[in-house]
């Protein structure tokens, strides 16, 4: 995938990537491919990421970059904060803006896990639903990835469909984290459970990762998974009341018996709900690391929580456990983080001798009994890597999974609406060297002009590099004979006589815009992953690349927009759809 973040510089060698980034502030797409194993190269991991001019959430949009777009991000790029929302610097061509930190991750996230045997993964499953629920091919495919009948049965025990979805994702996480961290074939992963229901890898770790173990949790919007190569690990996520089905922080009196007197006094502040989530998730993670889970009496644990100073905007905390009056500070480490949406993620690391395993099968997989303080402290506050459902599917089966999703979507999609007689599809009008104005408008001198006005906002040039039309700062578009073609705003197009021609409206996914004509007929779609116009049948009509070239369906040059940035893609799309559809005539 060619990233719209690519610049014009020549490909750079990976080994001088950091130095070159300070000089050029951008990388070519070839450079990013060469640097794909560099932990400083980040990629967009959501469907689309909005690049804004400043860290503020209400600042103007510069671009919408698609999944897979890459940038070289150094330490100073990762620390902007706006109203508790973390922002990172992102370069789009020669422009520079900011995207949400939750939208990006290191390109080498899998190789990092493989190298260290350590993982901190999170999945926001709030918007994920199998396309056809539990009756479609997607659900059947994912369930087939779970070979243990007992685990499938546990998934089916949940009453609410949303809980069954999270339970499935949790089990996919368990299997995938073992395969990625240990370099195993996914099909060879066998997961068992202790009497306290702690999951573990039956075949154990490796010589380099002698005590490999993992833990999974889900609540509210998130599913999280942790893995460690030497220490035992537990994880928990605690959602705010707005994301839960009841209980929790709005009814703290009912939870008083679970807390110590010191912890209860610590909650006596305005942010008591947030503090409660810190305490509860920390206690859960501690008990899950031990292996007895709910069998551990929470009031035995007095958790002392302190905030950690952090330069990159993360809200980090550490917990010091005291059990039955005895401090376990030397043997345990607890890391807690309050995420942007109010969820608290907690991970706990502890010694092997603390494991509670009645049957002894889990303990038998732990080969190294002594743990050093360095091993306890290593990457304690590791960043949580965002994943998608597709990331949990084995690499060799991902295409088959995506085909199942596509088949389910096609089975539900209605047939495309027929165009009204008055509708014009972009490209269906014959190409002319001078785009004609609509109707009988005769404004302008009619004399051919070979150069765009000096004060225009942007201009369009034809296939022979000939000046074609221009857009003024007030949105007025004139052709090369001085005749007004129409008017443009960011979302609408109007004729020279100021009659409504069409508009752009967000589609159901929010990642594309549908072009609707004056009769509200859908004529094509603008995909915000590089200013790409797509027909109702799914074929590409044109794409405007980062230099402004308008490329046809066979990558032939149909024209050029000068100057061009991805912040202009809405106006350019409206121009091509409604004011100059003949420019996209690819038969010429």
Protein backbone atom coordinates (compact mmCIF):
# COMPACT_ATOMS: atom_id res chain seq x y z
CA UNK A 1 0.00 0.00 0.00
CA UNK A 2 1.46 3.34 -1.01
CA UNK A 3 1.00 5.69 1.89
CA UNK A 4 -0.31 9.23 1.26
CA UNK A 5 2.22 10.29 3.89
CA UNK A 6 5.08 9.71 1.47
CA UNK A 7 7.21 12.67 0.48
CA UNK A 8 9.39 13.45 -2.54
CA UNK A 9 12.74 12.60 -1.02
CA UNK A 10 14.86 9.75 -2.39
CA UNK A 11 14.69 6.39 -0.54
CA UNK A 12 16.69 6.49 2.67
CA UNK A 13 18.70 3.71 4.24
CA UNK A 14 17.07 2.26 7.36
CA UNK A 15 20.23 2.65 9.44
CA UNK A 16 20.19 6.46 9.10
CA UNK A 17 16.41 6.76 9.38
CA UNK A 18 16.34 8.68 12.66
CA UNK A 19 18.91 11.25 11.56
CA UNK A 20 17.23 11.74 8.19
CA UNK A 21 13.82 12.22 9.80
CA UNK A 22 15.06 15.31 11.64
CA UNK A 23 16.37 16.75 8.36
CA UNK A 24 13.60 15.90 5.92
CA UNK A 25 10.68 15.43 8.37
CA UNK A 26 9.29 12.81 5.98
CA UNK A 27 10.07 9.46 4.33
CA UNK A 28 9.27 8.02 0.96
CA UNK A 29 7.09 4.92 0.87
CA UNK A 30 10.17 2.89 -0.13
CA UNK A 31 11.97 4.14 2.97
CA UNK A 32 9.13 3.01 5.18
CA UNK A 33 9.16 -0.44 3.61
CA UNK A 34 12.90 -0.67 4.26
CA UNK A 35 12.37 0.44 7.85
CA UNK A 36 9.42 -1.84 8.58
CA UNK A 37 11.38 -3.65 11.31
CA UNK A 38 12.30 -0.38 13.00
CA UNK A 39 10.32 0.11 16.23
CA UNK A 40 10.01 3.83 15.40
CA UNK A 41 7.96 3.27 12.23
CA UNK A 42 4.23 3.48 13.00
CA UNK A 43 1.17 2.58 10.93
CA UNK A 44 -2.50 3.51 11.00
CA UNK A 45 -4.34 0.51 12.46
CA UNK A 46 -7.92 1.83 12.33
CA UNK A 47 -9.99 2.01 9.14
CA UNK A 48 -9.09 5.65 8.74
CA UNK A 49 -7.28 8.28 10.84
CA UNK A 50 -8.11 11.98 10.68
CA UNK A 51 -5.06 14.26 10.55
CA UNK A 52 -5.77 17.64 12.13
CA UNK A 53 -3.75 20.83 11.91
CA UNK A 54 -3.10 21.11 15.66
CA UNK A 55 -3.46 18.72 18.64
CA UNK A 56 -6.86 20.29 19.42
CA UNK A 57 -9.78 18.04 18.48
CA UNK A 58 -11.73 20.88 16.87
CA UNK A 59 -8.86 22.07 14.65
CA UNK A 60 -9.22 21.87 10.84
CA UNK A 61 -8.76 18.54 9.09
CA UNK A 62 -5.69 18.19 6.88
CA UNK A 63 -6.29 14.68 5.58
CA UNK A 64 -7.87 11.31 6.21
CA UNK A 65 -5.22 8.59 5.98
CA UNK A 66 -6.20 4.92 5.52
CA UNK A 67 -5.27 1.76 7.42
CA UNK A 68 -1.65 0.85 6.72
CA UNK A 69 -0.33 4.37 6.08
CA UNK A 70 3.09 4.75 7.73
CA UNK A 71 5.26 7.42 9.32
CA UNK A 72 8.54 7.53 11.19
CA UNK A 73 7.64 8.72 14.70
CA UNK A 74 10.36 9.62 17.17
CA UNK A 75 10.02 10.12 20.92
CA UNK A 76 9.13 13.80 20.59
CA UNK A 77 6.31 12.99 18.16
CA UNK A 78 4.36 10.89 20.68
CA UNK A 79 3.70 13.32 23.50
CA UNK A 80 1.02 15.87 22.57
CA UNK A 81 -2.07 16.05 24.77
CA UNK A 82 -5.45 17.71 24.27
CA UNK A 83 -8.12 17.33 26.96
CA UNK A 84 -6.76 13.92 28.08
CA UNK A 85 -6.71 12.74 24.44
CA UNK A 86 -3.23 11.78 23.29
CA UNK A 87 -2.12 13.09 19.91
CA UNK A 88 0.90 12.20 17.80
CA UNK A 89 2.61 14.12 15.03
CA UNK A 90 1.83 12.86 11.52
CA UNK A 91 3.24 14.05 8.20
CA UNK A 92 1.15 14.19 5.03
CA UNK A 93 3.37 15.11 2.11
CA UNK A 94 4.82 18.50 3.02
CA UNK A 95 2.09 19.17 5.55
CA UNK A 96 2.29 18.20 9.21
CA UNK A 97 -0.57 17.55 11.60
CA UNK A 98 -1.72 15.33 14.45
CA UNK A 99 -3.69 12.10 14.79
CA UNK A 100 -5.09 10.27 17.79
CA UNK A 101 -2.55 7.99 19.48
CA UNK A 102 -5.14 5.21 19.62
CA UNK A 103 -5.17 5.06 15.79
CA UNK A 104 -1.51 4.08 15.34
CA UNK A 105 0.89 1.33 16.39
CA UNK A 106 4.45 0.20 15.58
CA UNK A 107 4.69 -1.60 12.26
CA UNK A 108 6.93 -4.19 13.94
CA UNK A 109 4.53 -4.98 16.79
CA UNK A 110 4.61 -8.72 16.06
CA UNK A 111 8.39 -8.92 15.83
CA UNK A 112 8.68 -6.97 19.10
CA UNK A 113 6.47 -9.57 20.83
CA UNK A 114 8.43 -12.40 19.24
CA UNK A 115 11.73 -10.88 20.37
CA UNK A 116 10.72 -10.17 23.96
CA UNK A 117 7.99 -12.73 24.65
CA UNK A 118 6.03 -9.81 26.11
CA UNK A 119 2.70 -8.36 24.93
CA UNK A 120 0.21 -5.66 25.90
CA UNK A 121 -2.67 -5.79 23.42
CA UNK A 122 -6.05 -4.10 23.44
CA UNK A 123 -9.06 -4.38 21.14
CA UNK A 124 -11.90 -1.86 21.13
CA UNK A 125 -14.82 -4.17 20.32
CA UNK A 126 -17.58 -1.65 21.03
CA UNK A 127 -18.43 -1.29 17.33
CA UNK A 128 -17.60 -4.84 16.22
CA UNK A 129 -20.49 -7.11 15.36
CA UNK A 130 -20.25 -10.12 13.07
CA UNK A 131 -21.89 -8.95 9.84
CA UNK A 132 -24.74 -11.47 10.09
CA UNK A 133 -24.54 -12.06 13.82
CA UNK A 134 -24.05 -15.67 14.81
CA UNK A 135 -25.67 -16.98 11.62
CA UNK A 136 -23.08 -15.74 9.14
CA UNK A 137 -19.85 -17.08 7.68
CA UNK A 138 -17.70 -14.65 9.68
CA UNK A 139 -18.90 -15.98 13.04
CA UNK A 140 -18.55 -19.60 11.92
CA UNK A 141 -15.01 -18.96 10.65
CA UNK A 142 -13.88 -17.36 13.92
CA UNK A 143 -15.50 -20.06 16.04
CA UNK A 144 -13.67 -22.72 14.01
CA UNK A 145 -10.39 -21.14 15.15
CA UNK A 146 -11.21 -22.34 18.69
CA UNK A 147 -10.55 -26.12 18.71
CA UNK A 148 -11.47 -26.79 22.36
CA UNK A 149 -15.17 -27.78 22.71
CA UNK A 150 -15.17 -26.64 26.35
CA UNK A 151 -14.16 -23.10 25.33
CA UNK A 152 -16.90 -22.94 22.69
CA UNK A 153 -19.36 -24.05 25.35
CA UNK A 154 -18.22 -21.27 27.70
CA UNK A 155 -18.76 -18.71 24.94
CA UNK A 156 -22.35 -19.91 24.49
CA UNK A 157 -23.14 -19.58 28.20
CA UNK A 158 -23.21 -15.77 28.04
CA UNK A 159 -26.76 -14.42 27.91
CA UNK A 160 -26.12 -11.22 25.92
CA UNK A 161 -24.81 -11.40 22.36
CA UNK A 162 -22.32 -8.59 23.06
CA UNK A 163 -20.82 -10.68 25.89
CA UNK A 164 -20.55 -13.71 23.61
CA UNK A 165 -18.70 -11.58 21.07
CA UNK A 166 -16.21 -10.43 23.73
CA UNK A 167 -15.80 -13.96 25.02
CA UNK A 168 -14.93 -15.17 21.52
CA UNK A 169 -12.42 -12.32 21.03
CA UNK A 170 -10.85 -13.12 24.42
CA UNK A 171 -10.21 -16.72 23.39
CA UNK A 172 -8.84 -15.67 20.01
CA UNK A 173 -6.49 -13.30 21.86
CA UNK A 174 -5.27 -16.13 24.08
CA UNK A 175 -4.34 -18.33 21.17
CA UNK A 176 -2.86 -15.57 19.02
CA UNK A 177 -0.63 -14.14 21.73
CA UNK A 178 0.93 -17.58 22.30
CA UNK A 179 1.57 -18.06 18.58
CA UNK A 180 3.04 -14.59 18.05
CA UNK A 181 5.23 -14.41 21.16
CA UNK A 182 6.64 -17.94 20.79
CA UNK A 183 6.67 -18.21 17.00
CA UNK A 184 4.28 -21.17 17.03
CA UNK A 185 1.90 -22.36 14.35
CA UNK A 186 -1.55 -21.27 15.49
CA UNK A 187 -2.92 -24.77 14.96
CA UNK A 188 -0.42 -26.21 17.46
CA UNK A 189 -1.46 -23.93 20.33
CA UNK A 190 -3.23 -25.83 23.12
CA UNK A 191 -4.79 -23.84 25.95
CA UNK A 192 -5.74 -25.32 29.33
CA UNK A 193 -7.16 -23.87 32.54
CA UNK A 194 -6.28 -24.15 36.20
CA UNK A 195 -8.89 -25.00 38.82
CA UNK A 196 -9.18 -21.21 39.36
CA UNK A 197 -9.94 -20.86 35.59
CA UNK A 198 -6.62 -19.17 34.74
CA UNK A 199 -5.80 -20.00 31.09
CA UNK A 200 -2.30 -21.20 30.22
CA UNK A 201 -0.34 -22.73 27.36
CA UNK A 202 -0.23 -26.50 27.88
CA UNK A 203 3.11 -26.99 26.10
CA UNK A 204 4.76 -24.18 28.10
CA UNK A 205 7.37 -21.68 26.92
CA UNK A 206 10.85 -21.98 25.41
CA UNK A 207 14.42 -21.83 26.67
CA UNK A 208 14.49 -18.05 26.11
CA UNK A 209 11.01 -17.60 27.58
CA UNK A 210 11.01 -20.27 30.29
CA UNK A 211 7.92 -19.09 32.18
CA UNK A 212 5.82 -17.85 29.29
CA UNK A 213 2.24 -17.21 30.43
CA UNK A 214 -0.60 -14.86 29.56
CA UNK A 215 -3.86 -13.47 30.84
CA UNK A 216 -6.99 -11.98 29.23
CA UNK A 217 -9.80 -9.68 30.41
CA UNK A 218 -12.79 -7.90 28.93
CA UNK A 219 -15.16 -5.22 30.19
CA UNK A 220 -16.99 -2.30 28.61
CA UNK A 221 -15.50 -1.45 25.23
CA UNK A 222 -12.24 -3.35 25.49
CA UNK A 223 -10.67 -6.79 25.41
CA UNK A 224 -7.07 -6.81 26.70
CA UNK A 225 -4.34 -9.44 26.83
CA UNK A 226 -0.93 -9.53 28.55
CA UNK A 227 1.94 -11.98 28.14
CA UNK A 228 5.22 -12.31 30.03
CA UNK A 229 8.30 -14.53 29.42
CA UNK A 230 9.47 -14.96 33.06
CA UNK A 231 7.14 -13.44 35.65
CA UNK A 232 3.57 -14.63 36.19
CA UNK A 233 1.09 -12.09 34.86
CA UNK A 234 -2.51 -11.04 35.45
CA UNK A 235 -4.54 -8.39 33.63
CA UNK A 236 -7.84 -6.62 34.14
CA UNK A 237 -9.83 -3.87 32.45
CA UNK A 238 -12.44 -1.92 34.44
CA UNK A 239 -15.01 0.15 32.54
CA UNK A 240 -16.74 3.31 33.76
CA UNK A 241 -20.44 3.06 34.60
CA UNK A 242 -21.36 4.60 31.24
CA UNK A 243 -20.02 1.45 29.54
CA UNK A 244 -21.37 -1.17 31.95
CA UNK A 245 -24.66 -2.93 32.61
CA UNK A 246 -24.85 -1.83 36.23
CA UNK A 247 -23.01 -2.29 39.51
CA UNK A 248 -19.60 -0.82 40.20
CA UNK A 249 -18.84 2.74 41.08
CA UNK A 250 -22.42 4.08 41.41
CA UNK A 251 -22.98 1.59 44.25
CA UNK A 252 -19.69 1.83 46.15
CA UNK A 253 -21.27 1.15 49.54
CA UNK A 254 -21.98 -2.40 48.37
CA UNK A 255 -18.28 -2.82 47.58
CA UNK A 256 -17.02 -1.55 50.94
CA UNK A 257 -16.47 -5.05 52.33
CA UNK A 258 -13.98 -5.70 49.47
CA UNK A 259 -11.74 -2.78 50.46
CA UNK A 260 -9.48 -2.07 53.41
CA UNK A 261 -10.12 0.89 55.71
CA UNK A 262 -7.19 2.78 54.17
CA UNK A 263 -8.48 2.15 50.63
CA UNK A 264 -11.99 3.26 51.61
CA UNK A 265 -10.60 6.50 53.04
CA UNK A 266 -8.59 7.01 49.81
CA UNK A 267 -11.86 7.05 47.86
CA UNK A 268 -13.14 10.07 49.79
CA UNK A 269 -12.49 12.55 46.94
CA UNK A 270 -14.34 14.03 43.97
CA UNK A 271 -12.74 11.49 41.61
CA UNK A 272 -13.77 8.52 43.77
CA UNK A 273 -15.26 6.60 40.82
CA UNK A 274 -11.96 6.79 38.94
CA UNK A 275 -10.01 5.80 42.05
CA UNK A 276 -12.34 2.87 42.62
CA UNK A 277 -11.64 1.59 39.10
CA UNK A 278 -7.91 1.81 39.81
CA UNK A 279 -8.28 -0.20 43.03
CA UNK A 280 -10.64 -2.79 41.61
CA UNK A 281 -8.69 -3.47 38.42
CA UNK A 282 -5.44 -3.67 40.42
CA UNK A 283 -6.93 -6.23 42.82
CA UNK A 284 -8.36 -8.27 39.94
CA UNK A 285 -5.03 -8.30 38.08
CA UNK A 286 -3.17 -9.36 41.25
CA UNK A 287 -5.57 -12.24 41.95
CA UNK A 288 -5.56 -13.36 38.30
CA UNK A 289 -1.76 -13.43 38.24
CA UNK A 290 -1.80 -15.73 41.28
CA UNK A 291 -4.33 -17.99 39.59
CA UNK A 292 -7.05 -18.18 42.23
CA UNK A 293 -9.06 -15.25 40.85
CA UNK A 294 -12.33 -14.87 42.75
CA UNK A 295 -11.08 -17.40 45.26
CA UNK A 296 -8.77 -14.70 46.64
CA UNK A 297 -10.41 -12.51 49.31
CA UNK A 298 -9.94 -8.94 48.05
CA UNK A 299 -9.97 -7.38 51.50
CA UNK A 300 -6.70 -9.20 52.29
CA UNK A 301 -4.99 -7.00 49.70
CA UNK A 302 -4.29 -3.37 50.62
CA UNK A 303 -3.25 -1.67 47.39
CA UNK A 304 -1.29 1.60 47.66
CA UNK A 305 -1.61 3.46 44.36
CA UNK A 306 0.59 6.39 43.29
CA UNK A 307 0.68 8.29 40.00
CA UNK A 308 3.74 8.06 37.76
CA UNK A 309 5.06 11.16 36.03
CA UNK A 310 4.87 10.63 32.29
CA UNK A 311 5.97 13.02 29.54
CA UNK A 312 3.97 11.53 26.68
CA UNK A 313 0.51 12.23 28.11
CA UNK A 314 -0.28 8.75 29.47
CA UNK A 315 -2.03 8.64 32.86
CA UNK A 316 0.07 5.97 34.53
CA UNK A 317 -0.02 4.62 38.09
CA UNK A 318 1.87 2.03 40.13
CA UNK A 319 0.42 -0.21 42.81
CA UNK A 320 2.25 -1.54 45.86
CA UNK A 321 0.52 -4.62 47.30
CA UNK A 322 0.25 -5.36 51.03
CA UNK A 323 -1.29 -8.77 51.80
CA UNK A 324 -2.35 -9.62 55.35
CA UNK A 325 -0.27 -6.68 56.58
CA UNK A 326 2.93 -7.83 54.81
CA UNK A 327 4.38 -5.70 52.02
CA UNK A 328 5.06 -7.59 48.78
CA UNK A 329 6.66 -4.59 47.10
CA UNK A 330 9.92 -6.45 46.37
CA UNK A 331 8.22 -9.36 44.62
CA UNK A 332 5.35 -7.72 42.77
CA UNK A 333 4.88 -4.91 40.24
CA UNK A 334 1.51 -3.43 39.29
CA UNK A 335 1.10 -1.03 36.38
CA UNK A 336 -2.19 0.80 35.88
CA UNK A 337 -3.32 3.22 33.20
CA UNK A 338 -6.45 5.34 32.82
CA UNK A 339 -7.28 5.28 29.14
CA UNK A 340 -8.82 8.19 27.20
CA UNK A 341 -12.35 6.75 27.41
CA UNK A 342 -12.16 6.24 31.20
CA UNK A 343 -11.37 2.52 31.18
CA UNK A 344 -8.59 1.41 33.52
CA UNK A 345 -6.09 -1.19 32.31
CA UNK A 346 -4.11 -3.00 35.03
CA UNK A 347 -1.33 -5.56 34.72
CA UNK A 348 0.34 -7.39 37.62
CA UNK A 349 3.67 -9.22 37.64
CA UNK A 350 4.72 -11.59 40.37
CA UNK A 351 6.96 -14.51 41.36
CA UNK A 352 6.43 -18.12 40.37
CA UNK A 353 6.10 -19.31 43.97
CA UNK A 354 2.93 -17.17 44.38
CA UNK A 355 1.00 -19.27 41.83
CA UNK A 356 -2.08 -21.08 43.14
CA UNK A 357 -2.61 -24.21 41.02
CA UNK A 358 -4.47 -27.09 42.63
CA UNK A 359 -3.85 -29.53 39.79
CA UNK A 360 -0.24 -28.47 39.23
CA UNK A 361 -0.45 -28.47 35.41
CA UNK A 362 0.22 -24.76 35.07
CA UNK A 363 3.10 -24.81 37.54
CA UNK A 364 4.68 -27.65 35.58
CA UNK A 365 5.07 -25.32 32.58
CA UNK A 366 7.06 -22.76 34.61
CA UNK A 367 10.73 -23.75 34.32
CA UNK A 368 12.51 -20.91 36.11
CA UNK A 369 11.68 -20.42 39.78
CA UNK A 370 13.76 -17.34 40.69
CA UNK A 371 12.89 -13.89 39.31
CA UNK A 372 15.23 -10.90 39.47
CA UNK A 373 14.18 -7.30 40.14
CA UNK A 374 15.39 -6.40 36.63
CA UNK A 375 12.98 -8.93 35.15
CA UNK A 376 10.16 -7.52 37.26
CA UNK A 377 10.91 -3.95 36.13
CA UNK A 378 11.57 -4.59 32.42
CA UNK A 379 9.09 -2.62 30.24
CA UNK A 380 6.78 -2.24 33.24
CA UNK A 381 4.66 0.46 31.60
CA UNK A 382 4.72 -0.98 28.09
CA UNK A 383 2.38 0.77 25.65
CA UNK A 384 -0.90 -1.02 24.87
CA UNK A 385 -0.91 -1.99 21.18
CA UNK A 386 -4.28 -1.61 19.41
CA UNK A 387 -5.36 -4.62 17.33
CA UNK A 388 -8.30 -5.47 15.10
CA UNK A 389 -10.27 -8.72 14.81
CA UNK A 390 -8.37 -9.55 11.61
CA UNK A 391 -5.08 -9.34 13.56
CA UNK A 392 -6.24 -12.30 15.66
CA UNK A 393 -6.63 -14.52 12.61
CA UNK A 394 -3.55 -16.58 11.62
CA UNK A 395 -1.63 -14.89 8.80
CA UNK A 396 -2.19 -17.70 6.32
CA UNK A 397 -5.97 -17.67 6.95
CA UNK A 398 -6.57 -13.92 6.91
CA UNK A 399 -7.58 -13.71 3.25
CA UNK A 400 -10.12 -16.48 3.76
CA UNK A 401 -11.53 -14.63 6.79
CA UNK A 402 -11.86 -11.37 4.85
CA UNK A 403 -13.66 -13.24 2.06
CA UNK A 404 -16.17 -14.52 4.63
CA UNK A 405 -16.77 -10.97 5.85
CA UNK A 406 -17.18 -9.76 2.28
CA UNK A 407 -19.63 -12.57 1.45
CA UNK A 408 -21.72 -11.73 4.52
CA UNK A 409 -21.78 -8.06 3.57
CA UNK A 410 -22.78 -8.83 -0.01
CA UNK A 411 -25.63 -11.04 1.18
CA UNK A 412 -27.09 -8.14 3.14
CA UNK A 413 -26.39 -5.29 0.73
CA UNK A 414 -29.35 -4.03 -1.32
CA UNK A 415 -28.86 -3.69 -5.10
CA UNK A 416 -27.56 -0.25 -6.15
CA UNK A 417 -30.33 2.23 -6.98
CA UNK A 418 -31.01 3.02 -10.60
CA UNK A 419 -29.88 6.46 -11.74
CA UNK A 420 -32.59 8.97 -12.51
CA UNK A 421 -32.83 10.19 -16.13
CA UNK A 422 -31.37 13.57 -15.15
CA UNK A 423 -28.35 12.10 -13.33
CA UNK A 424 -24.85 12.25 -14.80
CA UNK A 425 -22.22 9.73 -13.78
CA UNK A 426 -18.69 11.20 -13.66
CA UNK A 427 -16.85 10.11 -16.82
CA UNK A 428 -20.02 9.55 -18.85
CA UNK A 429 -19.71 13.02 -20.43
CA UNK A 430 -17.29 13.37 -23.34
CA UNK A 431 -13.98 15.09 -22.67
CA UNK A 432 -13.60 18.65 -24.00
CA UNK A 433 -10.58 20.92 -23.77
CA UNK A 434 -12.73 23.62 -22.20
CA UNK A 435 -15.33 22.42 -19.66
CA UNK A 436 -18.71 23.89 -20.70
CA UNK A 437 -20.76 25.83 -18.14
CA UNK A 438 -24.19 24.39 -17.27
CA UNK A 439 -27.24 25.57 -19.18
CA UNK A 440 -27.04 28.72 -21.31
CA UNK A 441 -24.81 30.73 -18.98
CA UNK A 442 -22.72 33.16 -21.06
CA UNK A 443 -20.81 35.02 -18.34
CA UNK A 444 -17.20 35.79 -19.17
CA UNK A 445 -15.41 37.07 -22.24
CA UNK A 446 -15.32 33.74 -24.06
CA UNK A 447 -11.66 34.41 -24.90
CA UNK A 448 -9.33 31.47 -24.18
CA UNK A 449 -6.93 32.04 -21.27
CA UNK A 450 -3.82 29.86 -21.03
CA UNK A 451 -2.83 30.67 -17.46
CA UNK A 452 -4.76 30.37 -14.18
CA UNK A 453 -5.51 33.62 -12.30
CA UNK A 454 -2.77 34.52 -9.83
CA UNK A 455 -5.24 34.88 -6.95
CA UNK A 456 -7.05 31.55 -7.44
CA UNK A 457 -7.09 28.96 -4.64
CA UNK A 458 -6.39 26.02 -6.96
CA UNK A 459 -6.49 25.27 -10.67
CA UNK A 460 -7.17 22.24 -12.85
CA UNK A 461 -5.04 21.34 -15.88
CA UNK A 462 -6.01 18.92 -18.66
CA UNK A 463 -4.24 15.94 -20.25
CA UNK A 464 -1.89 18.08 -22.32
CA UNK A 465 -0.93 20.22 -19.31
CA UNK A 466 -3.30 22.91 -20.59
CA UNK A 467 -5.06 25.22 -18.12
CA UNK A 468 -8.69 24.09 -17.75
CA UNK A 469 -10.40 25.86 -14.83
CA UNK A 470 -9.76 27.43 -11.45
CA UNK A 471 -11.45 27.88 -8.08
CA UNK A 472 -11.34 31.27 -6.37
CA UNK A 473 -11.13 31.72 -2.61
CA UNK A 474 -14.89 32.38 -2.46
CA UNK A 475 -15.59 29.01 -4.14
CA UNK A 476 -16.43 30.43 -7.58
CA UNK A 477 -15.17 28.12 -10.35
CA UNK A 478 -14.48 29.52 -13.84
CA UNK A 479 -13.30 27.76 -16.98
CA UNK A 480 -10.43 28.80 -19.27
CA UNK A 481 -12.73 31.16 -21.17
CA UNK A 482 -13.73 33.11 -18.07
CA UNK A 483 -17.19 31.53 -17.90
CA UNK A 484 -18.52 30.57 -14.47
CA UNK A 485 -18.97 26.82 -14.11
CA UNK A 486 -20.50 26.99 -10.64
CA UNK A 487 -19.75 27.35 -6.94
CA UNK A 488 -18.22 25.00 -4.38
CA UNK A 489 -18.32 24.68 -0.62
CA UNK A 490 -16.78 21.84 1.40
CA UNK A 491 -19.93 19.72 1.05
CA UNK A 492 -22.05 21.13 -1.82
CA UNK A 493 -21.83 22.19 -5.46
CA UNK A 494 -24.02 24.79 -7.14
CA UNK A 495 -24.48 25.92 -10.75
CA UNK A 496 -23.48 29.29 -12.24
CA UNK A 497 -27.04 30.44 -11.57
CA UNK A 498 -26.59 29.24 -7.95
CA UNK A 499 -28.93 26.27 -8.28
CA UNK A 500 -28.16 23.20 -6.17
CA UNK A 501 -26.30 20.51 -8.14
CA UNK A 502 -25.24 17.99 -5.52
CA UNK A 503 -23.58 17.26 -2.19
CA UNK A 504 -21.40 14.86 -0.22
CA UNK A 505 -22.86 12.93 2.71
CA UNK A 506 -21.08 10.43 5.04
CA UNK A 507 -21.83 6.79 4.32
CA UNK A 508 -22.76 4.24 6.99
CA UNK A 509 -19.12 3.45 7.83
CA UNK A 510 -18.07 7.07 8.31
CA UNK A 511 -14.93 6.45 6.24
CA UNK A 512 -16.34 7.53 2.87
CA UNK A 513 -18.67 10.17 1.42
CA UNK A 514 -21.53 9.49 -0.98
CA UNK A 515 -22.01 11.95 -3.84
CA UNK A 516 -25.73 12.71 -4.22
CA UNK A 517 -27.08 14.74 -7.14
CA UNK A 518 -29.92 17.26 -7.10
CA UNK A 519 -32.50 14.45 -7.07
CA UNK A 520 -30.78 12.81 -4.06
CA UNK A 521 -29.56 10.01 -6.32
CA UNK A 522 -26.32 8.35 -5.26
CA UNK A 523 -23.98 8.63 -8.27
CA UNK A 524 -20.58 7.64 -6.81
CA UNK A 525 -18.56 7.48 -3.59
CA UNK A 526 -15.51 9.42 -2.40
CA UNK A 527 -13.16 7.21 -0.37
CA UNK A 528 -11.05 9.26 2.02
CA UNK A 529 -7.96 7.12 1.53
CA UNK A 530 -6.34 9.24 -1.12
CA UNK A 531 -9.21 11.16 -2.80
CA UNK A 532 -10.58 8.15 -4.69
CA UNK A 533 -13.91 8.26 -6.57
CA UNK A 534 -15.60 4.86 -6.93
CA UNK A 535 -18.66 3.97 -9.02
CA UNK A 536 -21.75 2.24 -7.65
CA UNK A 537 -20.43 -1.02 -9.14
CA UNK A 538 -17.23 -0.69 -7.10
CA UNK A 539 -14.83 0.26 -9.90
CA UNK A 540 -12.43 3.19 -9.50
CA UNK A 541 -13.34 6.24 -11.60
CA UNK A 542 -10.26 8.23 -10.62
CA UNK A 543 -7.78 8.85 -7.83
CA UNK A 544 -5.95 12.09 -7.02
CA UNK A 545 -2.45 11.29 -5.80
CA UNK A 546 -0.48 13.36 -3.32
CA UNK A 547 1.10 15.47 -6.10
CA UNK A 548 -2.35 16.38 -7.46
CA UNK A 549 -2.35 14.15 -10.55
CA UNK A 550 -5.80 12.85 -11.47
CA UNK A 551 -5.32 9.18 -12.41
CA UNK A 552 -7.87 7.12 -14.30
CA UNK A 553 -8.86 3.48 -13.71
CA UNK A 554 -5.76 2.26 -15.59
CA UNK A 555 -3.49 4.80 -13.86
CA UNK A 556 -3.54 7.02 -16.96
CA UNK A 557 -3.15 10.74 -16.25
CA UNK A 558 -6.47 12.53 -16.84
CA UNK A 559 -5.40 15.90 -15.47
CA UNK A 560 -3.85 17.63 -12.48
CA UNK A 561 -4.91 19.86 -9.58
CA UNK A 562 -2.39 22.58 -8.59
CA UNK A 563 -1.68 23.04 -5.75
CA UNK A 564 -3.21 20.01 -4.04
CA UNK A 565 -3.42 18.70 -0.48
CA UNK A 566 -5.66 16.04 1.01
CA UNK A 567 -7.47 18.75 2.95
CA UNK A 568 -8.98 19.81 -0.42
CA UNK A 569 -10.28 16.40 -1.48
CA UNK A 570 -13.96 17.18 -0.83
CA UNK A 571 -13.98 20.29 -3.04
CA UNK A 572 -12.00 18.52 -5.77
CA UNK A 573 -14.42 15.57 -5.70
CA UNK A 574 -17.43 17.91 -5.99
CA UNK A 575 -15.75 19.63 -8.95
CA UNK A 576 -15.17 16.33 -10.75
CA UNK A 577 -18.66 15.00 -10.02
CA UNK A 578 -20.80 18.02 -10.80
CA UNK A 579 -18.87 20.80 -12.58
CA UNK A 580 -16.48 18.93 -14.89
CA UNK A 581 -17.51 15.25 -15.17
CA UNK A 582 -16.10 15.10 -18.70
CA UNK A 583 -12.56 15.29 -17.33
CA UNK A 584 -12.96 11.68 -16.19
CA UNK A 585 -13.81 10.40 -19.68
CA UNK A 586 -11.18 7.64 -19.83
CA UNK A 587 -11.97 6.69 -23.46
CA UNK A 588 -10.01 9.61 -24.87
